[in-house]
Protein backbone atom coordinates (compact mmCIF):
# COMPACT_ATOMS: atom_id res chain seq x y z
CA UNK A 1 16.32 -17.20 3.84
CA UNK A 2 15.67 -17.46 0.11
CA UNK A 3 12.31 -17.48 -1.60
CA UNK A 4 11.40 -18.35 -5.16
CA UNK A 5 8.17 -16.64 -6.19
CA UNK A 6 6.53 -17.59 -9.46
CA UNK A 7 4.64 -14.54 -10.71
CA UNK A 8 1.50 -15.16 -12.78
CA UNK A 9 1.54 -13.96 -16.38
CA UNK A 10 -0.86 -11.08 -16.90
CA UNK A 11 -2.83 -11.10 -20.13
CA UNK A 12 -4.33 -8.00 -21.70
CA UNK A 13 -7.76 -6.50 -22.08
CA UNK A 14 -8.99 -4.67 -25.16
CA UNK A 15 -11.10 -2.23 -23.17
CA UNK A 16 -11.46 -1.24 -19.55
CA UNK A 17 -14.33 0.64 -17.95
CA UNK A 18 -14.09 1.96 -14.40
CA UNK A 19 -17.01 3.48 -12.48
CA UNK A 20 -16.59 5.25 -9.14
CA UNK A 21 -19.65 4.42 -7.06
CA UNK A 22 -18.83 5.85 -3.66
CA UNK A 23 -16.85 8.62 -2.04
CA UNK A 24 -17.44 10.03 1.39
CA UNK A 25 -19.18 13.37 1.19
CA UNK A 26 -17.31 15.21 3.93
CA UNK A 27 -13.76 13.95 3.50
CA UNK A 28 -11.95 13.02 0.29
CA UNK A 29 -12.22 9.26 0.64
CA UNK A 30 -13.24 6.94 -2.14
CA UNK A 31 -14.21 3.43 -1.19
CA UNK A 32 -15.61 1.51 -4.14
CA UNK A 33 -15.00 1.03 -7.84
CA UNK A 34 -16.63 -1.26 -10.36
CA UNK A 35 -14.28 -2.47 -13.08
CA UNK A 36 -15.41 -3.97 -16.36
CA UNK A 37 -12.90 -5.40 -18.80
CA UNK A 38 -13.60 -6.73 -22.29
CA UNK A 39 -11.42 -9.43 -23.79
CA UNK A 40 -10.50 -8.86 -27.40
CA UNK A 41 -10.76 -12.46 -28.55
CA UNK A 42 -14.08 -13.61 -27.11
CA UNK A 43 -15.80 -10.31 -26.34
CA UNK A 44 -16.60 -11.44 -22.84
CA UNK A 45 -17.19 -8.81 -20.18
CA UNK A 46 -15.79 -9.37 -16.71
CA UNK A 47 -16.93 -7.24 -13.78
CA UNK A 48 -14.90 -6.85 -10.58
CA UNK A 49 -15.66 -4.90 -7.44
CA UNK A 50 -12.69 -3.18 -5.80
CA UNK A 51 -13.43 -2.48 -2.12
CA UNK A 52 -16.91 -2.22 -0.64
CA UNK A 53 -17.21 1.16 1.01
CA UNK A 54 -17.99 1.64 4.68
CA UNK A 55 -21.75 1.01 4.59
CA UNK A 56 -24.56 0.41 2.10
CA UNK A 57 -23.89 3.59 0.11
CA UNK A 58 -22.58 1.47 -2.76
CA UNK A 59 -25.97 -0.22 -3.03
CA UNK A 60 -27.87 3.06 -3.17
CA UNK A 61 -25.53 4.65 -5.70
CA UNK A 62 -25.60 1.56 -7.91
CA UNK A 63 -29.41 1.80 -8.03
CA UNK A 64 -29.27 5.48 -8.95
CA UNK A 65 -26.74 4.77 -11.71
CA UNK A 66 -28.70 1.73 -12.94
CA UNK A 67 -25.77 -0.62 -12.36
CA UNK A 68 -26.63 -4.26 -11.73
CA UNK A 69 -24.32 -5.46 -8.95
CA UNK A 70 -25.28 -9.06 -9.71
CA UNK A 71 -22.86 -8.80 -12.65
CA UNK A 72 -19.92 -8.71 -10.22
CA UNK A 73 -17.88 -11.90 -10.53
CA UNK A 74 -15.36 -11.30 -7.76
CA UNK A 75 -14.53 -8.81 -5.01
CA UNK A 76 -11.02 -7.59 -4.31
CA UNK A 77 -10.40 -5.72 -1.06
CA UNK A 78 -7.45 -3.36 -1.21
CA UNK A 79 -6.97 -3.64 2.56
CA UNK A 80 -9.02 -4.27 5.68
CA UNK A 81 -9.72 -0.75 6.94
CA UNK A 82 -13.40 -0.12 7.51
CA UNK A 83 -13.78 2.63 4.92
CA UNK A 84 -12.86 0.06 2.26
CA UNK A 85 -14.43 -3.07 3.73
CA UNK A 86 -17.23 -2.04 6.09
CA UNK A 87 -19.87 -2.42 3.39
CA UNK A 88 -18.76 -5.92 2.42
CA UNK A 89 -21.69 -7.83 3.91
CA UNK A 90 -24.21 -5.44 2.33
CA UNK A 91 -22.48 -5.80 -1.02
CA UNK A 92 -22.46 -9.58 -0.75
CA UNK A 93 -26.19 -9.54 -0.05
CA UNK A 94 -26.80 -7.37 -3.12
CA UNK A 95 -24.67 -9.59 -5.38
CA UNK A 96 -26.25 -12.72 -3.89
CA UNK A 97 -23.86 -15.39 -5.19
CA UNK A 98 -22.85 -18.32 -3.02
CA UNK A 99 -19.60 -19.05 -4.85
CA UNK A 100 -18.43 -15.45 -5.16
CA UNK A 101 -14.61 -15.19 -4.86
CA UNK A 102 -13.39 -12.62 -2.31
CA UNK A 103 -9.66 -11.86 -2.46
CA UNK A 104 -8.32 -10.96 1.00
CA UNK A 105 -5.12 -10.89 3.06
CA UNK A 106 -4.80 -12.53 6.47
CA UNK A 107 -4.02 -9.20 8.19
CA UNK A 108 -7.49 -7.91 7.33
CA UNK A 109 -8.85 -10.00 10.19
CA UNK A 110 -6.69 -8.23 12.82
CA UNK A 111 -8.12 -5.75 15.31
CA UNK A 112 -6.56 -2.41 14.38
CA UNK A 113 -6.73 1.28 15.07
CA UNK A 114 -4.82 4.54 15.04
CA UNK A 115 -2.92 6.21 17.87
CA UNK A 116 -4.28 9.59 19.00
CA UNK A 117 -1.86 12.36 20.08
CA UNK A 118 -2.68 11.64 23.74
CA UNK A 119 -1.66 8.00 23.37
CA UNK A 120 -5.14 6.53 23.33
CA UNK A 121 -6.22 4.29 20.45
CA UNK A 122 -9.13 4.99 18.15
CA UNK A 123 -10.22 1.45 17.35
CA UNK A 124 -11.39 0.75 13.84
CA UNK A 125 -14.62 -1.19 13.26
CA UNK A 126 -13.92 -4.89 12.90
CA UNK A 127 -13.49 -6.57 9.53
CA UNK A 128 -16.15 -9.16 8.69
CA UNK A 129 -15.60 -12.39 10.62
CA UNK A 130 -14.59 -15.45 8.62
CA UNK A 131 -17.76 -17.23 9.77
CA UNK A 132 -19.80 -14.50 8.07
CA UNK A 133 -17.99 -15.26 4.82
CA UNK A 134 -18.20 -19.03 5.09
CA UNK A 135 -20.59 -19.44 2.16
CA UNK A 136 -18.27 -17.51 -0.17
CA UNK A 137 -15.07 -18.50 -1.91
CA UNK A 138 -12.63 -16.78 0.44
CA UNK A 139 -9.17 -16.57 -1.10
CA UNK A 140 -6.53 -15.56 1.46
CA UNK A 141 -3.22 -14.73 -0.18
CA UNK A 142 -0.12 -12.54 0.23
CA UNK A 143 1.07 -13.17 -3.30
CA UNK A 144 0.19 -11.87 -6.79
CA UNK A 145 -3.13 -13.37 -7.83
CA UNK A 146 -4.84 -13.34 -11.23
CA UNK A 147 -8.58 -12.77 -11.64
CA UNK A 148 -10.99 -12.17 -14.53
CA UNK A 149 -9.58 -14.94 -16.72
CA UNK A 150 -6.02 -13.71 -16.08
CA UNK A 151 -6.79 -10.20 -17.30
CA UNK A 152 -6.39 -8.48 -13.91
CA UNK A 153 -3.67 -9.01 -11.33
CA UNK A 154 -3.94 -8.38 -7.60
CA UNK A 155 -0.43 -7.36 -6.54
CA UNK A 156 -0.23 -9.17 -3.21
CA UNK A 157 2.12 -7.64 -0.64
CA UNK A 158 4.07 -4.71 -2.07
CA UNK A 159 7.77 -4.36 -1.18
CA UNK A 160 8.69 -1.13 0.63
CA UNK A 161 11.75 0.20 -1.18
CA UNK A 162 11.67 3.98 -1.50
CA UNK A 163 13.39 5.91 1.28
CA UNK A 164 10.54 8.38 1.78
CA UNK A 165 7.37 6.26 1.86
CA UNK A 166 7.14 5.32 5.54
CA UNK A 167 3.71 3.72 5.66
CA UNK A 168 1.23 4.83 8.31
CA UNK A 169 3.21 5.65 11.49
CA UNK A 170 0.15 6.06 13.72
CA UNK A 171 -1.31 2.70 12.74
CA UNK A 172 -1.66 0.07 15.47
CA UNK A 173 -2.63 -3.62 15.67
CA UNK A 174 -3.81 -5.55 18.71
CA UNK A 175 -1.36 -8.43 19.28
CA UNK A 176 -1.69 -10.72 22.31
CA UNK A 177 -3.82 -8.11 24.07
CA UNK A 178 -1.38 -5.24 23.51
CA UNK A 179 -1.47 -2.45 20.95
CA UNK A 180 1.64 -2.69 18.79
CA UNK A 181 2.97 -0.36 16.04
CA UNK A 182 1.85 -1.61 12.63
CA UNK A 183 3.00 1.11 10.22
CA UNK A 184 3.50 -0.99 7.11
CA UNK A 185 -0.13 -2.17 6.66
CA UNK A 186 1.00 -5.27 4.75
CA UNK A 187 -2.50 -6.09 3.49
CA UNK A 188 -2.45 -3.01 1.24
CA UNK A 189 -2.68 -4.22 -2.37
CA UNK A 190 -3.48 -2.79 -5.78
CA UNK A 191 -4.96 -4.09 -9.03
CA UNK A 192 -3.03 -4.09 -12.31
CA UNK A 193 -4.65 -4.34 -15.75
CA UNK A 194 -2.80 -4.29 -19.06
CA UNK A 195 -4.79 -2.40 -21.70
CA UNK A 196 -3.74 -3.45 -25.18
CA UNK A 197 -1.66 -0.85 -26.99
CA UNK A 198 -1.63 1.53 -23.99
CA UNK A 199 0.07 -0.07 -21.01
CA UNK A 200 -0.64 -0.73 -17.36
CA UNK A 201 -3.57 0.67 -15.45
CA UNK A 202 -2.64 0.56 -11.75
CA UNK A 203 -5.51 0.97 -9.30
CA UNK A 204 -4.71 1.62 -5.66
CA UNK A 205 -6.91 1.65 -2.58
CA UNK A 206 -5.09 3.83 -0.05
CA UNK A 207 -1.53 3.10 -1.21
CA UNK A 208 -0.33 2.64 2.36
CA UNK A 209 2.55 0.81 0.69
CA UNK A 210 3.43 4.08 -1.05
CA UNK A 211 2.13 4.96 -4.49
CA UNK A 212 5.67 4.92 -5.94
CA UNK A 213 6.42 1.52 -4.41
CA UNK A 214 3.13 0.35 -5.89
CA UNK A 215 3.84 1.63 -9.40
CA UNK A 216 7.39 0.27 -9.40
CA UNK A 217 6.22 -3.14 -8.22
CA UNK A 218 3.50 -3.26 -10.88
CA UNK A 219 6.12 -2.82 -13.59
CA UNK A 220 8.42 -5.38 -12.02
CA UNK A 221 5.95 -8.24 -11.66
CA UNK A 222 4.37 -7.73 -15.09
CA UNK A 223 7.53 -6.94 -17.04
CA UNK A 224 5.63 -4.11 -18.75
CA UNK A 225 7.45 -0.77 -18.75
CA UNK A 226 4.65 1.62 -19.71
CA UNK A 227 2.24 2.84 -17.04
CA UNK A 228 -0.78 4.24 -18.86
CA UNK A 229 -2.92 5.27 -15.87
CA UNK A 230 -2.69 5.43 -12.10
CA UNK A 231 -6.03 5.63 -10.34
CA UNK A 232 -7.04 5.74 -6.67
CA UNK A 233 -5.79 6.98 -3.31
CA UNK A 234 -2.14 8.01 -2.91
CA UNK A 235 -2.25 8.50 0.90
CA UNK A 236 -0.64 11.94 0.85
CA UNK A 237 -3.12 13.74 3.12
CA UNK A 238 -2.33 14.69 6.70
CA UNK A 239 0.61 16.34 8.44
CA UNK A 240 3.04 13.41 8.27
CA UNK A 241 2.10 12.25 4.77
CA UNK A 242 2.32 15.74 3.27
CA UNK A 243 6.09 15.76 3.87
CA UNK A 244 6.48 13.32 0.97
CA UNK A 245 4.26 15.10 -1.55
CA UNK A 246 7.05 16.66 -3.61
CA UNK A 247 9.11 13.48 -3.79
CA UNK A 248 6.02 11.52 -4.82
CA UNK A 249 5.09 14.05 -7.50
CA UNK A 250 8.66 14.03 -8.84
CA UNK A 251 8.60 10.24 -9.08
CA UNK A 252 5.17 10.16 -10.73
CA UNK A 253 6.48 12.64 -13.28
CA UNK A 254 9.46 10.34 -13.91
CA UNK A 255 7.16 7.32 -14.38
CA UNK A 256 5.13 9.50 -16.76
CA UNK A 257 1.64 7.98 -16.82
CA UNK A 258 -0.76 9.33 -19.43
CA UNK A 259 -3.65 9.63 -16.97
CA UNK A 260 -3.61 10.39 -13.22
CA UNK A 261 -6.83 10.04 -11.23
CA UNK A 262 -5.79 11.08 -7.72
CA UNK A 263 -8.72 10.25 -5.48
CA UNK A 264 -9.59 9.61 -1.87
CA UNK A 265 -6.73 10.03 0.62
CA UNK A 266 -4.44 11.79 -1.86
CA UNK A 267 -5.51 15.07 -0.26
CA UNK A 268 -6.05 18.46 -1.83
CA UNK A 269 -2.45 19.66 -1.38
CA UNK A 270 -1.07 16.67 -3.26
CA UNK A 271 -3.73 16.96 -5.96
CA UNK A 272 -2.83 20.61 -6.48
CA UNK A 273 0.88 19.73 -6.62
CA UNK A 274 0.16 17.11 -9.29
CA UNK A 275 -2.05 19.55 -11.20
CA UNK A 276 0.63 22.25 -11.12
CA UNK A 277 3.30 19.83 -12.35
CA UNK A 278 1.26 17.73 -14.79
CA UNK A 279 -1.87 19.74 -15.62
CA UNK A 280 -2.72 17.78 -18.76
CA UNK A 281 -2.57 14.42 -17.04
CA UNK A 282 -4.66 14.82 -13.89
CA UNK A 283 -8.40 14.16 -13.79
CA UNK A 284 -10.42 15.41 -10.83
CA UNK A 285 -12.45 12.50 -9.57
CA UNK A 286 -16.05 12.40 -8.35
CA UNK A 287 -18.75 9.88 -7.59
CA UNK A 288 -20.22 8.67 -10.86
CA UNK A 289 -17.10 9.28 -12.92
CA UNK A 290 -16.81 6.74 -15.69
CA UNK A 291 -13.44 6.02 -17.28
CA UNK A 292 -13.25 4.17 -20.58
CA UNK A 293 -9.65 3.22 -21.24
C-alpha cells in the first residue's frame, strides 16, 4: 500500500498567548488551554480552545479570570478521554455558537477504558454523542488540519517511531462487544504554531503518541527545524511510563527547546528529571499561568 499525503503549509503568528484554565486539584492533570494568536499583517486575534476539561470547571475558572469564552472560534480536542473532553457540552453552551468548528478524530467516539490489575475494566465516561454535536461544525479527520487562518496546525495521527514510547499498554477499546487492547490511542494529536523569529510551539494533550514522536513529527510536517517551546502533558507518570523518563529527557535535551512547560500527566519524577537536566528551560505550570510567546 502506498499513500500520498499532502501536508498543509503552516503560516506564522507574530505573537502567541496561552492561558491554562483548568488542572485537576488532586492529581497533576491539565485539561484545558485557551490559545490566542495575533497575525502580524492584519493584527487579527484568533482564539482556540484546546480540550474541554472533565466538567464545567473551565467555565468557572474563565469567569474568575475574566476571560470571555465567546471569543473562541474553534475547539480542538487532543483525544477523546474524559479528562480532556468531558466538559465539551458545557463549553459549547458557554461559547454558544451554532457554526463552531470542533476538530475530532473518529476514535473519540469509541467506548474505552483501562485494564485493572485483576483483569476487570474501568470504563471511561462516554464521549459526547454525534447527535449532541449535530448543530456544530464537526470536523472528523486523521490528517494534519489547519485552523486559525492557517496559523495553527492540528497534527492528525502521529507516527509511532521511537523504540521506547509504547503508548498506553493498559488501554482498552470495546470492539464488537469485546474489550480489545488499544495501546496506541490513535486519536492523540497535538497543535503546532510557528512563532515568527522563534520557531515551533508544540502543544500536547497527553502525548499518548510519545512526546518525542510528537516533536519529531511536528518538525517533519512543517519543515521547520527549531522547536521553541513544548507545552502540555508528556505521559511519563505511572510505573510503566516512568521506565522511559531518562530516554525522553535525553531526547528533549537533543531537540533543545527554549521553553519546556511539562504539565498534567508528565508526573513529578519526570518533571524533576527535566529540571535537573535543563533547569533554565523548565517552567512549573499552574492554573492561571499565562504564556506570552
